Amino acid sequence: MLTNWLEATKEVRAVEWELDGRRVQLIDTPGFDDTVLSDTTILTTIAEWLKESYDDRCLLSGIIYLHRISDPRMDPSSKKSLRMFRSLCGTGNLKNVILATTMWEKTDEVDGQRREDELRNNFWKEMLSNKSELARISSDPEDGKRLIRNLLGNQPMVLQLQDELSQGKSLSATDAGAEIREEMERLRIKLTQEITGAREELQKFKNSKNSGILEVD
């Protein structure tokens, strides 16, 4: 099984596919740089799928992590996403990860090479030292097929997040969840405030109804 870490997807989608006479299941997941969905929502969606697949004894053979080489820099959000991804995988599984850059057709070769070098020597250095593979993906479909072939022979793996969730940990207590704990706490406070406000409005309505007078602010 192969997970495909794409930016545009809003939910986890499984696609059956045949490559070289072998049945392959591609799992397309949302990326953490989504402008609509929060990181908490995205990680929760991915975690739920991973937990279900683990319970069904359906494990991944590899992960392709996609990064747009057209992005001029690694902003704080991208760095946070990468930390979550590493925590989700676990160091021992990084050998089953391909770090693939996309959008080369929209990037000047000199700029693209400079950005790739920065990724290799800085942001992806630790993952590459743990045997992750660096690759480029162009608009040629054969590029993607080549990467998938490289992963099909891998021993299926249990991701760190799957292991942590199977132990009964809450998402916020996992290493990946730690990266969004602050955001989760903000959402919890917001939800609590909304519930409190709704209860107060309901109580106000009940009091007005009992007194025969309905006040409108």
N, C-alpha and C. Protein backbone atom coordinates (compact mmCIF):
# COMPACT_ATOMS: atom_id res chain seq x y z
N MET A 1 0.85 -1.19 0.00
CA MET A 1 0.00 0.00 0.00
C MET A 1 0.88 1.24 0.00
N LEU A 2 0.43 2.26 -0.65
CA LEU A 2 1.22 3.49 -0.79
C LEU A 2 0.39 4.69 -0.40
N THR A 3 0.95 5.54 0.41
CA THR A 3 0.28 6.79 0.74
C THR A 3 0.84 7.91 -0.11
N ASN A 4 -0.02 8.69 -0.68
CA ASN A 4 0.38 9.82 -1.51
C ASN A 4 -0.02 11.09 -0.80
N TRP A 5 0.97 11.88 -0.37
CA TRP A 5 0.73 13.06 0.48
C TRP A 5 0.56 14.28 -0.42
N LEU A 6 -0.67 14.59 -0.80
CA LEU A 6 -0.93 15.67 -1.75
C LEU A 6 -1.51 16.89 -1.05
N GLU A 7 -1.26 18.07 -1.64
CA GLU A 7 -1.69 19.31 -1.01
C GLU A 7 -3.17 19.62 -1.23
N ALA A 8 -3.73 19.27 -2.38
CA ALA A 8 -5.06 19.76 -2.74
C ALA A 8 -6.20 18.92 -2.18
N THR A 9 -5.93 17.71 -1.72
CA THR A 9 -6.97 16.81 -1.25
C THR A 9 -7.57 17.30 0.06
N LYS A 10 -8.89 17.13 0.21
CA LYS A 10 -9.58 17.57 1.42
C LYS A 10 -9.92 16.41 2.34
N GLU A 11 -9.79 15.18 1.87
CA GLU A 11 -10.10 14.01 2.68
C GLU A 11 -9.20 12.86 2.23
N VAL A 12 -9.19 11.79 3.02
CA VAL A 12 -8.40 10.63 2.65
C VAL A 12 -9.17 9.81 1.62
N ARG A 13 -8.51 9.52 0.49
CA ARG A 13 -9.16 8.77 -0.58
C ARG A 13 -8.28 7.60 -1.00
N ALA A 14 -8.88 6.43 -1.13
CA ALA A 14 -8.16 5.24 -1.58
C ALA A 14 -8.52 4.96 -3.03
N VAL A 15 -7.51 4.70 -3.84
CA VAL A 15 -7.72 4.43 -5.27
C VAL A 15 -7.03 3.12 -5.63
N GLU A 16 -7.79 2.18 -6.19
CA GLU A 16 -7.22 0.92 -6.65
C GLU A 16 -6.59 1.14 -8.02
N TRP A 17 -5.43 0.55 -8.23
CA TRP A 17 -4.67 0.79 -9.45
C TRP A 17 -3.85 -0.45 -9.76
N GLU A 18 -3.55 -0.67 -11.03
CA GLU A 18 -2.72 -1.80 -11.42
C GLU A 18 -1.45 -1.30 -12.07
N LEU A 19 -0.33 -1.81 -11.58
CA LEU A 19 0.98 -1.41 -12.11
C LEU A 19 1.81 -2.67 -12.34
N ASP A 20 2.23 -2.86 -13.56
CA ASP A 20 3.06 -4.03 -13.92
C ASP A 20 2.39 -5.34 -13.51
N GLY A 21 1.07 -5.39 -13.65
CA GLY A 21 0.34 -6.61 -13.32
C GLY A 21 0.06 -6.80 -11.85
N ARG A 22 0.43 -5.82 -11.02
CA ARG A 22 0.20 -5.92 -9.58
C ARG A 22 -0.87 -4.92 -9.16
N ARG A 23 -1.71 -5.34 -8.24
CA ARG A 23 -2.75 -4.44 -7.72
C ARG A 23 -2.15 -3.54 -6.64
N VAL A 24 -2.29 -2.26 -6.83
CA VAL A 24 -1.74 -1.29 -5.89
C VAL A 24 -2.87 -0.40 -5.38
N GLN A 25 -2.83 -0.09 -4.11
CA GLN A 25 -3.81 0.84 -3.55
C GLN A 25 -3.09 2.14 -3.18
N LEU A 26 -3.47 3.22 -3.82
CA LEU A 26 -2.91 4.53 -3.54
C LEU A 26 -3.81 5.26 -2.55
N ILE A 27 -3.21 5.80 -1.51
CA ILE A 27 -3.96 6.54 -0.50
C ILE A 27 -3.59 8.01 -0.61
N ASP A 28 -4.54 8.81 -1.01
CA ASP A 28 -4.32 10.25 -1.23
C ASP A 28 -4.82 11.01 0.00
N THR A 29 -3.93 11.75 0.64
CA THR A 29 -4.29 12.44 1.88
C THR A 29 -4.15 13.95 1.74
N PRO A 30 -4.85 14.71 2.58
CA PRO A 30 -4.68 16.17 2.55
C PRO A 30 -3.32 16.57 3.08
N GLY A 31 -2.86 17.74 2.67
CA GLY A 31 -1.59 18.28 3.16
C GLY A 31 -1.84 19.35 4.22
N PHE A 32 -0.83 19.60 5.04
CA PHE A 32 -1.00 20.52 6.16
C PHE A 32 -0.94 21.99 5.76
N ASP A 33 -0.69 22.29 4.49
CA ASP A 33 -0.64 23.69 4.07
C ASP A 33 -1.98 24.13 3.49
N ASP A 34 -3.05 23.43 3.82
CA ASP A 34 -4.38 23.77 3.31
C ASP A 34 -4.80 25.13 3.84
N THR A 35 -5.40 25.96 2.98
CA THR A 35 -5.81 27.30 3.38
C THR A 35 -7.20 27.35 3.98
N VAL A 36 -7.93 26.23 3.91
CA VAL A 36 -9.31 26.18 4.42
C VAL A 36 -9.38 25.34 5.70
N LEU A 37 -8.82 24.13 5.64
CA LEU A 37 -8.87 23.23 6.78
C LEU A 37 -7.73 23.53 7.76
N SER A 38 -8.01 23.41 9.04
CA SER A 38 -6.98 23.63 10.05
C SER A 38 -6.07 22.41 10.14
N ASP A 39 -4.87 22.60 10.69
CA ASP A 39 -3.96 21.48 10.87
C ASP A 39 -4.58 20.42 11.77
N THR A 40 -5.35 20.86 12.76
CA THR A 40 -6.01 19.92 13.67
C THR A 40 -6.99 19.04 12.91
N THR A 41 -7.80 19.66 12.04
CA THR A 41 -8.77 18.90 11.26
C THR A 41 -8.07 17.91 10.33
N ILE A 42 -7.00 18.36 9.70
CA ILE A 42 -6.27 17.51 8.76
C ILE A 42 -5.63 16.33 9.48
N LEU A 43 -4.93 16.60 10.59
CA LEU A 43 -4.28 15.52 11.33
C LEU A 43 -5.31 14.54 11.88
N THR A 44 -6.43 15.06 12.36
CA THR A 44 -7.49 14.19 12.87
C THR A 44 -8.02 13.28 11.76
N THR A 45 -8.23 13.84 10.57
CA THR A 45 -8.71 13.06 9.44
C THR A 45 -7.73 11.95 9.08
N ILE A 46 -6.45 12.29 9.00
CA ILE A 46 -5.43 11.30 8.66
C ILE A 46 -5.30 10.25 9.76
N ALA A 47 -5.34 10.71 11.02
CA ALA A 47 -5.20 9.78 12.16
C ALA A 47 -6.34 8.78 12.19
N GLU A 48 -7.55 9.23 11.93
CA GLU A 48 -8.70 8.33 11.94
C GLU A 48 -8.55 7.25 10.88
N TRP A 49 -8.08 7.65 9.68
CA TRP A 49 -7.89 6.66 8.63
C TRP A 49 -6.78 5.68 8.99
N LEU A 50 -5.68 6.19 9.51
CA LEU A 50 -4.56 5.33 9.88
C LEU A 50 -4.96 4.34 10.97
N LYS A 51 -5.75 4.79 11.94
CA LYS A 51 -6.20 3.90 13.01
C LYS A 51 -7.09 2.80 12.45
N GLU A 52 -8.01 3.16 11.56
CA GLU A 52 -8.91 2.16 10.97
C GLU A 52 -8.13 1.16 10.12
N SER A 53 -7.17 1.64 9.34
CA SER A 53 -6.39 0.75 8.49
C SER A 53 -5.54 -0.19 9.34
N TYR A 54 -5.01 0.32 10.45
CA TYR A 54 -4.22 -0.52 11.35
C TYR A 54 -5.10 -1.60 11.98
N ASP A 55 -6.29 -1.23 12.40
CA ASP A 55 -7.21 -2.20 12.99
C ASP A 55 -7.60 -3.28 11.99
N ASP A 56 -7.62 -2.91 10.70
CA ASP A 56 -7.95 -3.87 9.63
C ASP A 56 -6.72 -4.63 9.15
N ARG A 57 -5.58 -4.42 9.82
CA ARG A 57 -4.30 -5.06 9.45
C ARG A 57 -3.89 -4.72 8.02
N CYS A 58 -4.16 -3.49 7.62
CA CYS A 58 -3.78 -3.02 6.28
C CYS A 58 -2.68 -1.98 6.47
N LEU A 59 -1.44 -2.36 6.17
CA LEU A 59 -0.30 -1.51 6.44
C LEU A 59 0.26 -0.89 5.16
N LEU A 60 1.01 0.18 5.31
CA LEU A 60 1.59 0.91 4.19
C LEU A 60 2.97 0.35 3.82
N SER A 61 3.24 0.35 2.53
CA SER A 61 4.57 -0.03 2.06
C SER A 61 5.49 1.18 1.93
N GLY A 62 4.91 2.35 1.80
CA GLY A 62 5.73 3.54 1.68
C GLY A 62 4.89 4.80 1.60
N ILE A 63 5.56 5.92 1.72
CA ILE A 63 4.91 7.23 1.66
C ILE A 63 5.71 8.13 0.73
N ILE A 64 5.00 8.82 -0.14
CA ILE A 64 5.62 9.85 -0.98
C ILE A 64 5.18 11.20 -0.43
N TYR A 65 6.14 11.96 0.06
CA TYR A 65 5.88 13.29 0.61
C TYR A 65 6.17 14.31 -0.49
N LEU A 66 5.15 15.04 -0.91
CA LEU A 66 5.30 15.97 -2.03
C LEU A 66 5.55 17.40 -1.54
N HIS A 67 6.50 18.05 -2.18
CA HIS A 67 6.83 19.45 -1.85
C HIS A 67 6.97 20.24 -3.15
N ARG A 68 6.29 21.37 -3.24
CA ARG A 68 6.39 22.22 -4.44
C ARG A 68 7.73 22.94 -4.49
N ILE A 69 8.54 22.64 -5.48
CA ILE A 69 9.83 23.31 -5.61
C ILE A 69 9.62 24.77 -6.02
N SER A 70 8.42 25.09 -6.48
CA SER A 70 8.10 26.47 -6.86
C SER A 70 7.95 27.38 -5.65
N ASP A 71 7.77 26.81 -4.47
CA ASP A 71 7.69 27.63 -3.26
C ASP A 71 9.05 28.25 -2.99
N PRO A 72 9.12 29.57 -2.84
CA PRO A 72 10.43 30.22 -2.71
C PRO A 72 11.15 29.92 -1.41
N ARG A 73 10.41 29.54 -0.36
CA ARG A 73 11.06 29.28 0.93
C ARG A 73 10.21 28.34 1.78
N MET A 74 10.82 27.79 2.81
CA MET A 74 10.12 27.00 3.80
C MET A 74 9.62 27.94 4.89
N ASP A 75 8.33 28.28 4.83
CA ASP A 75 7.78 29.18 5.83
C ASP A 75 7.48 28.41 7.12
N PRO A 76 7.13 29.11 8.22
CA PRO A 76 6.86 28.42 9.49
C PRO A 76 5.82 27.31 9.38
N SER A 77 4.79 27.52 8.55
CA SER A 77 3.77 26.50 8.39
C SER A 77 4.33 25.24 7.75
N SER A 78 5.19 25.41 6.75
CA SER A 78 5.81 24.27 6.09
C SER A 78 6.73 23.51 7.03
N LYS A 79 7.46 24.25 7.86
CA LYS A 79 8.35 23.61 8.83
C LYS A 79 7.56 22.81 9.85
N LYS A 80 6.44 23.38 10.28
CA LYS A 80 5.57 22.69 11.23
C LYS A 80 5.00 21.42 10.61
N SER A 81 4.59 21.52 9.35
CA SER A 81 4.05 20.36 8.64
C SER A 81 5.08 19.24 8.56
N LEU A 82 6.32 19.61 8.29
CA LEU A 82 7.39 18.61 8.18
C LEU A 82 7.64 17.94 9.52
N ARG A 83 7.59 18.71 10.61
CA ARG A 83 7.78 18.12 11.94
C ARG A 83 6.66 17.13 12.25
N MET A 84 5.43 17.49 11.91
CA MET A 84 4.31 16.59 12.14
C MET A 84 4.47 15.32 11.31
N PHE A 85 4.91 15.48 10.08
CA PHE A 85 5.09 14.32 9.21
C PHE A 85 6.13 13.37 9.78
N ARG A 86 7.26 13.91 10.24
CA ARG A 86 8.30 13.06 10.83
C ARG A 86 7.78 12.33 12.06
N SER A 87 7.02 13.05 12.90
CA SER A 87 6.48 12.43 14.11
C SER A 87 5.43 11.38 13.77
N LEU A 88 4.68 11.62 12.73
CA LEU A 88 3.66 10.67 12.28
C LEU A 88 4.32 9.37 11.82
N CYS A 89 5.42 9.48 11.09
CA CYS A 89 6.10 8.30 10.55
C CYS A 89 6.89 7.56 11.61
N GLY A 90 7.69 8.30 12.36
CA GLY A 90 8.65 7.67 13.26
C GLY A 90 9.97 7.47 12.54
N THR A 91 11.07 7.67 13.26
CA THR A 91 12.40 7.62 12.64
C THR A 91 12.66 6.30 11.94
N GLY A 92 12.23 5.20 12.52
CA GLY A 92 12.50 3.89 11.96
C GLY A 92 11.83 3.62 10.63
N ASN A 93 10.82 4.41 10.29
CA ASN A 93 10.09 4.20 9.04
C ASN A 93 10.51 5.15 7.93
N LEU A 94 11.46 6.03 8.21
CA LEU A 94 11.85 7.03 7.20
C LEU A 94 12.50 6.40 5.97
N LYS A 95 13.01 5.17 6.11
CA LYS A 95 13.60 4.49 4.96
C LYS A 95 12.54 4.13 3.92
N ASN A 96 11.27 4.18 4.30
CA ASN A 96 10.16 3.89 3.38
C ASN A 96 9.52 5.16 2.84
N VAL A 97 10.20 6.29 3.01
CA VAL A 97 9.67 7.59 2.59
C VAL A 97 10.45 8.13 1.40
N ILE A 98 9.73 8.61 0.41
CA ILE A 98 10.34 9.33 -0.71
C ILE A 98 9.96 10.80 -0.60
N LEU A 99 10.95 11.66 -0.55
CA LEU A 99 10.74 13.11 -0.51
C LEU A 99 10.81 13.62 -1.94
N ALA A 100 9.66 13.91 -2.51
CA ALA A 100 9.60 14.25 -3.93
C ALA A 100 9.23 15.70 -4.14
N THR A 101 9.96 16.38 -4.99
CA THR A 101 9.65 17.77 -5.33
C THR A 101 8.87 17.81 -6.64
N THR A 102 7.91 18.71 -6.70
CA THR A 102 7.04 18.86 -7.86
C THR A 102 7.14 20.28 -8.42
N MET A 103 6.39 20.55 -9.47
CA MET A 103 6.29 21.88 -10.07
C MET A 103 7.60 22.36 -10.69
N TRP A 104 8.43 21.44 -11.16
CA TRP A 104 9.69 21.84 -11.78
C TRP A 104 9.45 22.58 -13.10
N GLU A 105 8.36 22.26 -13.76
CA GLU A 105 8.06 22.93 -15.03
C GLU A 105 7.70 24.39 -14.83
N LYS A 106 7.38 24.78 -13.59
CA LYS A 106 7.02 26.16 -13.29
C LYS A 106 8.14 26.89 -12.56
N THR A 107 9.32 26.31 -12.57
CA THR A 107 10.43 26.85 -11.80
C THR A 107 11.69 26.98 -12.66
N ASP A 108 12.37 28.08 -12.52
CA ASP A 108 13.65 28.24 -13.19
C ASP A 108 14.62 27.20 -12.65
N GLU A 109 15.38 26.56 -13.54
CA GLU A 109 16.25 25.46 -13.14
C GLU A 109 17.26 25.87 -12.08
N VAL A 110 17.81 27.08 -12.22
CA VAL A 110 18.80 27.54 -11.24
C VAL A 110 18.16 27.72 -9.87
N ASP A 111 16.99 28.38 -9.83
CA ASP A 111 16.29 28.57 -8.56
C ASP A 111 15.87 27.23 -7.98
N GLY A 112 15.36 26.34 -8.84
CA GLY A 112 14.93 25.03 -8.38
C GLY A 112 16.07 24.23 -7.78
N GLN A 113 17.23 24.26 -8.43
CA GLN A 113 18.39 23.53 -7.91
C GLN A 113 18.83 24.10 -6.57
N ARG A 114 18.79 25.43 -6.45
CA ARG A 114 19.18 26.06 -5.18
C ARG A 114 18.24 25.64 -4.06
N ARG A 115 16.93 25.63 -4.35
CA ARG A 115 15.95 25.25 -3.33
C ARG A 115 16.07 23.77 -2.97
N GLU A 116 16.34 22.94 -3.97
CA GLU A 116 16.50 21.51 -3.71
C GLU A 116 17.72 21.28 -2.83
N ASP A 117 18.81 21.99 -3.10
CA ASP A 117 20.01 21.86 -2.28
C ASP A 117 19.73 22.28 -0.84
N GLU A 118 18.94 23.34 -0.68
CA GLU A 118 18.60 23.81 0.67
C GLU A 118 17.78 22.75 1.41
N LEU A 119 16.84 22.15 0.70
CA LEU A 119 16.04 21.09 1.31
C LEU A 119 16.93 19.92 1.71
N ARG A 120 17.81 19.52 0.80
CA ARG A 120 18.68 18.37 1.04
C ARG A 120 19.63 18.62 2.21
N ASN A 121 20.22 19.78 2.25
CA ASN A 121 21.26 20.06 3.23
C ASN A 121 20.76 20.66 4.54
N ASN A 122 19.47 21.01 4.58
CA ASN A 122 18.95 21.65 5.78
C ASN A 122 17.70 20.94 6.28
N PHE A 123 16.57 21.25 5.67
CA PHE A 123 15.28 20.80 6.20
C PHE A 123 15.08 19.28 6.10
N TRP A 124 15.62 18.64 5.07
CA TRP A 124 15.43 17.20 4.89
C TRP A 124 16.67 16.39 5.26
N LYS A 125 17.67 17.05 5.78
CA LYS A 125 18.94 16.40 6.05
C LYS A 125 18.79 15.20 6.99
N GLU A 126 18.05 15.39 8.08
CA GLU A 126 17.88 14.32 9.06
C GLU A 126 17.14 13.12 8.45
N MET A 127 16.11 13.40 7.66
CA MET A 127 15.34 12.32 7.05
C MET A 127 16.18 11.56 6.03
N LEU A 128 16.96 12.28 5.25
CA LEU A 128 17.82 11.63 4.27
C LEU A 128 18.91 10.80 4.95
N SER A 129 19.37 11.27 6.10
CA SER A 129 20.37 10.50 6.83
C SER A 129 19.78 9.22 7.41
N ASN A 130 18.44 9.18 7.52
CA ASN A 130 17.74 7.98 7.96
C ASN A 130 17.17 7.20 6.78
N LYS A 131 17.80 7.40 5.59
CA LYS A 131 17.57 6.60 4.39
C LYS A 131 16.29 6.93 3.62
N SER A 132 15.71 8.12 3.88
CA SER A 132 14.65 8.57 2.98
C SER A 132 15.28 8.85 1.61
N GLU A 133 14.47 8.77 0.57
CA GLU A 133 14.97 8.98 -0.79
C GLU A 133 14.53 10.35 -1.32
N LEU A 134 15.41 11.01 -2.03
CA LEU A 134 15.10 12.30 -2.65
C LEU A 134 14.80 12.06 -4.13
N ALA A 135 13.71 12.68 -4.62
CA ALA A 135 13.33 12.46 -6.01
C ALA A 135 12.64 13.70 -6.56
N ARG A 136 12.57 13.76 -7.89
CA ARG A 136 11.84 14.82 -8.58
C ARG A 136 10.67 14.18 -9.34
N ILE A 137 9.56 14.91 -9.39
CA ILE A 137 8.41 14.46 -10.18
C ILE A 137 8.06 15.55 -11.18
N SER A 138 8.07 15.20 -12.45
CA SER A 138 7.68 16.13 -13.50
C SER A 138 6.25 15.81 -13.93
N SER A 139 5.81 16.40 -15.02
CA SER A 139 4.47 16.14 -15.53
C SER A 139 4.38 14.79 -16.24
N ASP A 140 5.51 14.11 -16.41
CA ASP A 140 5.54 12.80 -17.06
C ASP A 140 5.02 11.74 -16.08
N PRO A 141 3.93 11.03 -16.40
CA PRO A 141 3.37 10.01 -15.50
C PRO A 141 4.37 8.92 -15.12
N GLU A 142 5.37 8.70 -15.96
CA GLU A 142 6.35 7.67 -15.67
C GLU A 142 7.16 7.98 -14.41
N ASP A 143 7.28 9.26 -14.08
CA ASP A 143 8.01 9.63 -12.87
C ASP A 143 7.33 9.04 -11.63
N GLY A 144 6.00 9.22 -11.56
CA GLY A 144 5.25 8.69 -10.43
C GLY A 144 5.29 7.17 -10.38
N LYS A 145 5.18 6.54 -11.54
CA LYS A 145 5.23 5.08 -11.59
C LYS A 145 6.57 4.56 -11.08
N ARG A 146 7.62 5.26 -11.46
CA ARG A 146 8.96 4.84 -11.03
C ARG A 146 9.08 4.87 -9.51
N LEU A 147 8.55 5.92 -8.89
CA LEU A 147 8.62 6.02 -7.44
C LEU A 147 7.80 4.93 -6.77
N ILE A 148 6.64 4.64 -7.33
CA ILE A 148 5.79 3.60 -6.75
C ILE A 148 6.48 2.24 -6.84
N ARG A 149 7.13 1.97 -7.96
CA ARG A 149 7.87 0.71 -8.11
C ARG A 149 8.95 0.58 -7.03
N ASN A 150 9.57 1.70 -6.70
CA ASN A 150 10.63 1.68 -5.68
C ASN A 150 10.10 1.30 -4.31
N LEU A 151 8.81 1.56 -4.07
CA LEU A 151 8.23 1.32 -2.75
C LEU A 151 7.56 -0.04 -2.62
N LEU A 152 7.20 -0.63 -3.73
CA LEU A 152 6.41 -1.87 -3.68
C LEU A 152 7.15 -3.03 -3.02
N GLY A 153 8.46 -3.01 -3.08
CA GLY A 153 9.22 -4.11 -2.48
C GLY A 153 9.50 -3.94 -1.00
N ASN A 154 9.04 -2.83 -0.42
CA ASN A 154 9.31 -2.57 0.99
C ASN A 154 8.51 -3.48 1.91
N GLN A 155 9.06 -3.72 3.09
CA GLN A 155 8.32 -4.41 4.13
C GLN A 155 7.25 -3.46 4.67
N PRO A 156 5.97 -3.87 4.67
CA PRO A 156 4.92 -2.98 5.21
C PRO A 156 5.26 -2.53 6.62
N MET A 157 4.90 -1.30 6.94
CA MET A 157 5.32 -0.70 8.20
C MET A 157 4.15 -0.25 9.05
N VAL A 158 4.38 -0.19 10.35
CA VAL A 158 3.44 0.40 11.29
C VAL A 158 3.97 1.79 11.63
N LEU A 159 3.24 2.81 11.25
CA LEU A 159 3.69 4.18 11.52
C LEU A 159 3.66 4.46 13.02
N GLN A 160 4.49 5.39 13.45
CA GLN A 160 4.54 5.73 14.87
C GLN A 160 3.18 6.19 15.38
N LEU A 161 2.47 6.98 14.59
CA LEU A 161 1.16 7.46 15.01
C LEU A 161 0.18 6.30 15.17
N GLN A 162 0.24 5.32 14.27
CA GLN A 162 -0.62 4.15 14.39
C GLN A 162 -0.32 3.39 15.67
N ASP A 163 0.96 3.23 15.97
CA ASP A 163 1.36 2.51 17.18
C ASP A 163 0.89 3.25 18.43
N GLU A 164 1.04 4.56 18.44
CA GLU A 164 0.64 5.35 19.61
C GLU A 164 -0.88 5.29 19.82
N LEU A 165 -1.64 5.41 18.74
CA LEU A 165 -3.09 5.36 18.85
C LEU A 165 -3.57 3.97 19.27
N SER A 166 -2.88 2.92 18.79
CA SER A 166 -3.27 1.56 19.16
C SER A 166 -3.02 1.28 20.64
N GLN A 167 -2.12 2.06 21.25
CA GLN A 167 -1.85 1.93 22.68
C GLN A 167 -2.89 2.65 23.53
N GLY A 168 -3.84 3.31 22.86
CA GLY A 168 -4.89 4.01 23.58
C GLY A 168 -4.62 5.47 23.83
N LYS A 169 -3.55 6.00 23.25
CA LYS A 169 -3.25 7.42 23.43
C LYS A 169 -4.26 8.26 22.66
N SER A 170 -4.61 9.42 23.21
CA SER A 170 -5.42 10.37 22.46
C SER A 170 -4.52 11.02 21.42
N LEU A 171 -5.13 11.60 20.38
CA LEU A 171 -4.34 12.23 19.33
C LEU A 171 -3.44 13.33 19.89
N SER A 172 -3.97 14.09 20.83
CA SER A 172 -3.18 15.21 21.38
C SER A 172 -1.99 14.72 22.19
N ALA A 173 -2.03 13.45 22.64
CA ALA A 173 -0.94 12.91 23.45
C ALA A 173 0.15 12.26 22.60
N THR A 174 -0.07 12.15 21.29
CA THR A 174 0.94 11.56 20.41
C THR A 174 2.00 12.60 20.05
N ASP A 175 3.12 12.12 19.52
CA ASP A 175 4.18 13.05 19.12
C ASP A 175 3.70 13.98 18.02
N ALA A 176 2.95 13.45 17.05
CA ALA A 176 2.42 14.30 15.97
C ALA A 176 1.41 15.29 16.53
N GLY A 177 0.59 14.84 17.45
CA GLY A 177 -0.42 15.71 18.04
C GLY A 177 0.17 16.84 18.86
N ALA A 178 1.38 16.62 19.37
CA ALA A 178 2.03 17.66 20.17
C ALA A 178 2.24 18.93 19.36
N GLU A 179 2.43 18.78 18.06
CA GLU A 179 2.67 19.94 17.20
C GLU A 179 1.43 20.82 17.06
N ILE A 180 0.25 20.26 17.29
CA ILE A 180 -0.98 21.04 17.14
C ILE A 180 -1.73 21.18 18.46
N ARG A 181 -1.05 20.84 19.56
CA ARG A 181 -1.71 20.88 20.87
C ARG A 181 -2.23 22.27 21.20
N GLU A 182 -1.44 23.29 20.87
CA GLU A 182 -1.85 24.67 21.15
C GLU A 182 -3.10 25.02 20.35
N GLU A 183 -3.11 24.61 19.07
CA GLU A 183 -4.28 24.88 18.24
C GLU A 183 -5.51 24.13 18.75
N MET A 184 -5.29 22.88 19.18
CA MET A 184 -6.39 22.08 19.72
C MET A 184 -6.96 22.71 20.98
N GLU A 185 -6.09 23.29 21.81
CA GLU A 185 -6.55 23.93 23.04
C GLU A 185 -7.36 25.18 22.71
N ARG A 186 -6.94 25.94 21.69
CA ARG A 186 -7.71 27.12 21.27
C ARG A 186 -9.09 26.70 20.77
N LEU A 187 -9.14 25.62 20.01
CA LEU A 187 -10.43 25.14 19.50
C LEU A 187 -11.31 24.65 20.64
N ARG A 188 -10.69 24.00 21.65
CA ARG A 188 -11.46 23.53 22.80
C ARG A 188 -12.07 24.69 23.56
N ILE A 189 -11.28 25.75 23.77
CA ILE A 189 -11.77 26.93 24.49
C ILE A 189 -12.89 27.59 23.69
N LYS A 190 -12.70 27.70 22.39
CA LYS A 190 -13.73 28.32 21.55
C LYS A 190 -15.03 27.53 21.60
N LEU A 191 -14.92 26.20 21.52
CA LEU A 191 -16.11 25.36 21.58
C LEU A 191 -16.80 25.48 22.93
N THR A 192 -16.02 25.52 23.99
CA THR A 192 -16.58 25.66 25.34
C THR A 192 -17.33 26.98 25.47
N GLN A 193 -16.75 28.04 24.93
CA GLN A 193 -17.41 29.35 24.98
C GLN A 193 -18.71 29.35 24.18
N GLU A 194 -18.69 28.69 23.02
CA GLU A 194 -19.90 28.63 22.21
C GLU A 194 -20.99 27.84 22.90
N ILE A 195 -20.61 26.75 23.55
CA ILE A 195 -21.59 25.94 24.28
C ILE A 195 -22.16 26.73 25.45
N THR A 196 -21.29 27.44 26.17
CA THR A 196 -21.74 28.25 27.30
C THR A 196 -22.69 29.34 26.83
N GLY A 197 -22.34 29.97 25.72
CA GLY A 197 -23.21 31.02 25.17
C GLY A 197 -24.56 30.48 24.75
N ALA A 198 -24.57 29.31 24.14
CA ALA A 198 -25.83 28.69 23.70
C ALA A 198 -26.70 28.34 24.91
N ARG A 199 -26.09 27.85 25.97
CA ARG A 199 -26.83 27.51 27.18
C ARG A 199 -27.43 28.75 27.82
N GLU A 200 -26.65 29.82 27.81
CA GLU A 200 -27.16 31.07 28.39
C GLU A 200 -28.34 31.61 27.60
N GLU A 201 -28.25 31.52 26.27
CA GLU A 201 -29.36 31.97 25.42
C GLU A 201 -30.60 31.11 25.63
N LEU A 202 -30.37 29.80 25.79
CA LEU A 202 -31.49 28.90 26.03
C LEU A 202 -32.15 29.20 27.37
N GLN A 203 -31.31 29.43 28.38
CA GLN A 203 -31.86 29.75 29.69
C GLN A 203 -32.61 31.08 29.66
N LYS A 204 -32.09 32.04 28.93
CA LYS A 204 -32.74 33.33 28.79
C LYS A 204 -34.10 33.17 28.12
N PHE A 205 -34.15 32.31 27.11
CA PHE A 205 -35.42 32.06 26.41
C PHE A 205 -36.42 31.40 27.35
N LYS A 206 -35.96 30.41 28.13
CA LYS A 206 -36.85 29.73 29.07
C LYS A 206 -37.39 30.68 30.11
N ASN A 207 -36.52 31.56 30.65
CA ASN A 207 -36.96 32.52 31.66
C ASN A 207 -37.98 33.49 31.09
N SER A 208 -37.75 33.93 29.86
CA SER A 208 -38.67 34.86 29.22
C SER A 208 -40.01 34.19 28.94
N LYS A 209 -39.97 32.94 28.54
CA LYS A 209 -41.19 32.20 28.24
C LYS A 209 -42.01 31.98 29.51
N ASN A 210 -41.31 31.66 30.60
CA ASN A 210 -42.01 31.43 31.87
C ASN A 210 -42.66 32.70 32.39
N SER A 211 -42.02 33.85 32.12
CA SER A 211 -42.57 35.12 32.61
C SER A 211 -43.57 35.72 31.64
N GLY A 212 -43.69 35.10 30.47
CA GLY A 212 -44.63 35.62 29.47
C GLY A 212 -44.08 36.79 28.69
N ILE A 213 -42.79 37.09 28.89
CA ILE A 213 -42.19 38.24 28.20
C ILE A 213 -40.93 37.76 27.47
N LEU A 214 -40.83 38.05 26.20
CA LEU A 214 -39.67 37.67 25.42
C LEU A 214 -38.88 38.93 25.07
N GLU A 215 -37.69 39.01 25.62
CA GLU A 215 -36.86 40.17 25.36
C GLU A 215 -35.99 39.89 24.13
N VAL A 216 -35.88 40.88 23.27
CA VAL A 216 -35.05 40.75 22.08
C VAL A 216 -33.95 41.80 22.14
N ASP A 217 -32.69 41.33 22.13
CA ASP A 217 -31.56 42.28 22.18
C ASP A 217 -31.40 42.97 20.84
